[in-house]
Protein backbone atom coordinates (compact mmCIF):
# COMPACT_ATOMS: atom_id res chain seq x y z
CA UNK A 1 -53.61 66.18 -25.12
CA UNK A 2 -49.84 66.65 -24.73
CA UNK A 3 -49.70 63.52 -22.60
CA UNK A 4 -51.37 61.53 -25.39
CA UNK A 5 -48.87 62.83 -27.96
CA UNK A 6 -45.93 62.00 -25.69
CA UNK A 7 -47.30 58.48 -25.11
CA UNK A 8 -47.76 57.92 -28.86
CA UNK A 9 -44.19 59.05 -29.54
CA UNK A 10 -42.82 56.72 -26.84
CA UNK A 11 -44.73 53.80 -28.34
CA UNK A 12 -43.39 54.59 -31.82
CA UNK A 13 -39.80 54.88 -30.62
CA UNK A 14 -40.08 51.71 -28.54
CA UNK A 15 -41.48 49.78 -31.51
CA UNK A 16 -38.72 51.16 -33.74
CA UNK A 17 -36.04 50.22 -31.19
CA UNK A 18 -37.41 46.69 -30.81
CA UNK A 19 -37.57 46.23 -34.59
CA UNK A 20 -33.93 47.30 -34.97
CA UNK A 21 -32.88 45.07 -32.08
CA UNK A 22 -34.68 42.07 -33.56
CA UNK A 23 -33.20 42.70 -37.00
CA UNK A 24 -29.71 42.92 -35.51
CA UNK A 25 -30.22 39.68 -33.64
CA UNK A 26 -31.37 37.87 -36.78
CA UNK A 27 -28.41 39.14 -38.79
CA UNK A 28 -25.98 38.30 -36.01
CA UNK A 29 -27.24 34.73 -35.69
CA UNK A 30 -27.13 34.07 -39.41
CA UNK A 31 -23.60 35.48 -39.77
CA UNK A 32 -22.23 33.46 -36.86
CA UNK A 33 -23.55 30.17 -38.23
CA UNK A 34 -22.20 30.98 -41.70
CA UNK A 35 -18.77 31.88 -40.39
CA UNK A 36 -18.61 28.70 -38.32
CA UNK A 37 -19.23 26.64 -41.44
CA UNK A 38 -16.59 28.54 -43.38
CA UNK A 39 -13.90 28.33 -40.72
CA UNK A 40 -14.40 24.63 -40.13
CA UNK A 41 -14.14 23.67 -43.80
CA UNK A 42 -12.35 26.13 -46.09
CA UNK A 43 -9.57 27.26 -43.75
CA UNK A 44 -8.64 23.75 -42.67
CA UNK A 45 -5.80 21.89 -44.36
CA UNK A 46 -6.74 18.59 -45.95
CA UNK A 47 -4.73 15.98 -44.06
CA UNK A 48 -5.13 12.25 -43.66
CA UNK A 49 -3.24 9.77 -41.51
CA UNK A 50 -1.06 8.97 -44.53
CA UNK A 51 0.36 12.51 -44.38
CA UNK A 52 2.05 11.83 -41.04
CA UNK A 53 5.10 9.70 -40.27
CA UNK A 54 3.99 8.80 -36.76
CA UNK A 55 0.97 8.74 -34.52
CA UNK A 56 2.53 11.40 -32.28
CA UNK A 57 2.82 13.82 -35.23
CA UNK A 58 -0.80 13.20 -36.16
CA UNK A 59 -1.83 13.59 -32.52
CA UNK A 60 -0.06 16.95 -32.30
CA UNK A 61 -1.88 18.20 -35.38
CA UNK A 62 -5.20 16.86 -34.07
CA UNK A 63 -4.67 18.45 -30.64
CA UNK A 64 -3.80 21.80 -32.23
CA UNK A 65 -7.23 22.08 -33.89
CA UNK A 66 -9.68 19.25 -33.29
CA UNK A 67 -12.36 20.72 -35.53
CA UNK A 68 -10.02 20.92 -38.54
CA UNK A 69 -8.40 17.56 -38.02
CA UNK A 70 -11.47 15.62 -36.88
CA UNK A 71 -10.98 13.15 -39.74
CA UNK A 72 -7.76 11.94 -38.05
CA UNK A 73 -9.84 10.48 -35.20
CA UNK A 74 -12.15 8.07 -36.98
CA UNK A 75 -13.69 6.52 -33.87
CA UNK A 76 -14.01 9.75 -31.88
CA UNK A 77 -11.99 8.61 -28.87
CA UNK A 78 -9.55 11.54 -28.95
CA UNK A 79 -6.65 9.51 -30.33
CA UNK A 80 -5.56 10.43 -33.84
CA UNK A 81 -4.40 7.88 -36.41
CA UNK A 82 -4.32 4.92 -34.06
CA UNK A 83 -3.04 2.70 -36.90
CA UNK A 84 0.27 4.60 -37.10
CA UNK A 85 3.22 3.61 -34.93
CA UNK A 86 4.27 5.98 -32.20
């Protein structure tokens, strides 16, 4: 009888542990996707190629944070504001 009680308690604690673990995983995943959206949009300065005097200045800004300054590279080749003179 004691063995049965011990087994039932282990099952309850294991189920409780798994439920907490799953809940933590769900919360963690939702928070990380939300924070990625926030950091890539609200914390980024709004800059266009017209804000820079030269291509090298725009390239430096782009290289410093490619996710924030992705609009400086319109064709996605890694070169920012190709229309500006170096």
